[in-house]
Amino acid sequence: QVSRAGMGDQRLKVKFVVTGFGPFGGVSENPTSWLVNRLAELPHSELPFSLHCCQLETSASGCTEQLRALQQKVRAPKDGVVVWVHLGVHGSAKEYRLEFQAYNCADFRIPDVRGTVLSNEVIEPAVSKSV
């Protein structure tokens, strides 16, 4: 729970949804899967927030299906928020990277685990190209 500025003792309930991906391309053991699985093992009763962890299939259709199901399952409480943290891997990175801008574009350099290759396709039509 997080205190609201100027709201006295009222607390904002926070739910975290943390996702990682399964294997794909040349990444046979995706470290984001390992991390999500370790987070899921934390004793949730001891955390000051709600935590939902999920390993996503590394495919456009599978990921979409799983995320839509999660959105239905994990709703923001009346007096709270849901924070989504999506973890990914960059094969040549030597350090952590935090992306601060998303692009509404599916553009795969290699096929996903179901064999789909998307090129410059809009993900959500109602959203601008750069989020």
Foldseek 3Di string as FASTA:
>chain_A
DDDDPPPPPDDAAEEEEEEEEADWDPRNHWVSVVVLVVVVPPPQVPDSHHYHGYYFAQAPVRNVVVVVVVPVVDDGDPRYDYHYHYDYDDVPDPDDDDDDKDFQFQADPAAGPVRDGGHGDGNDPVDDGID
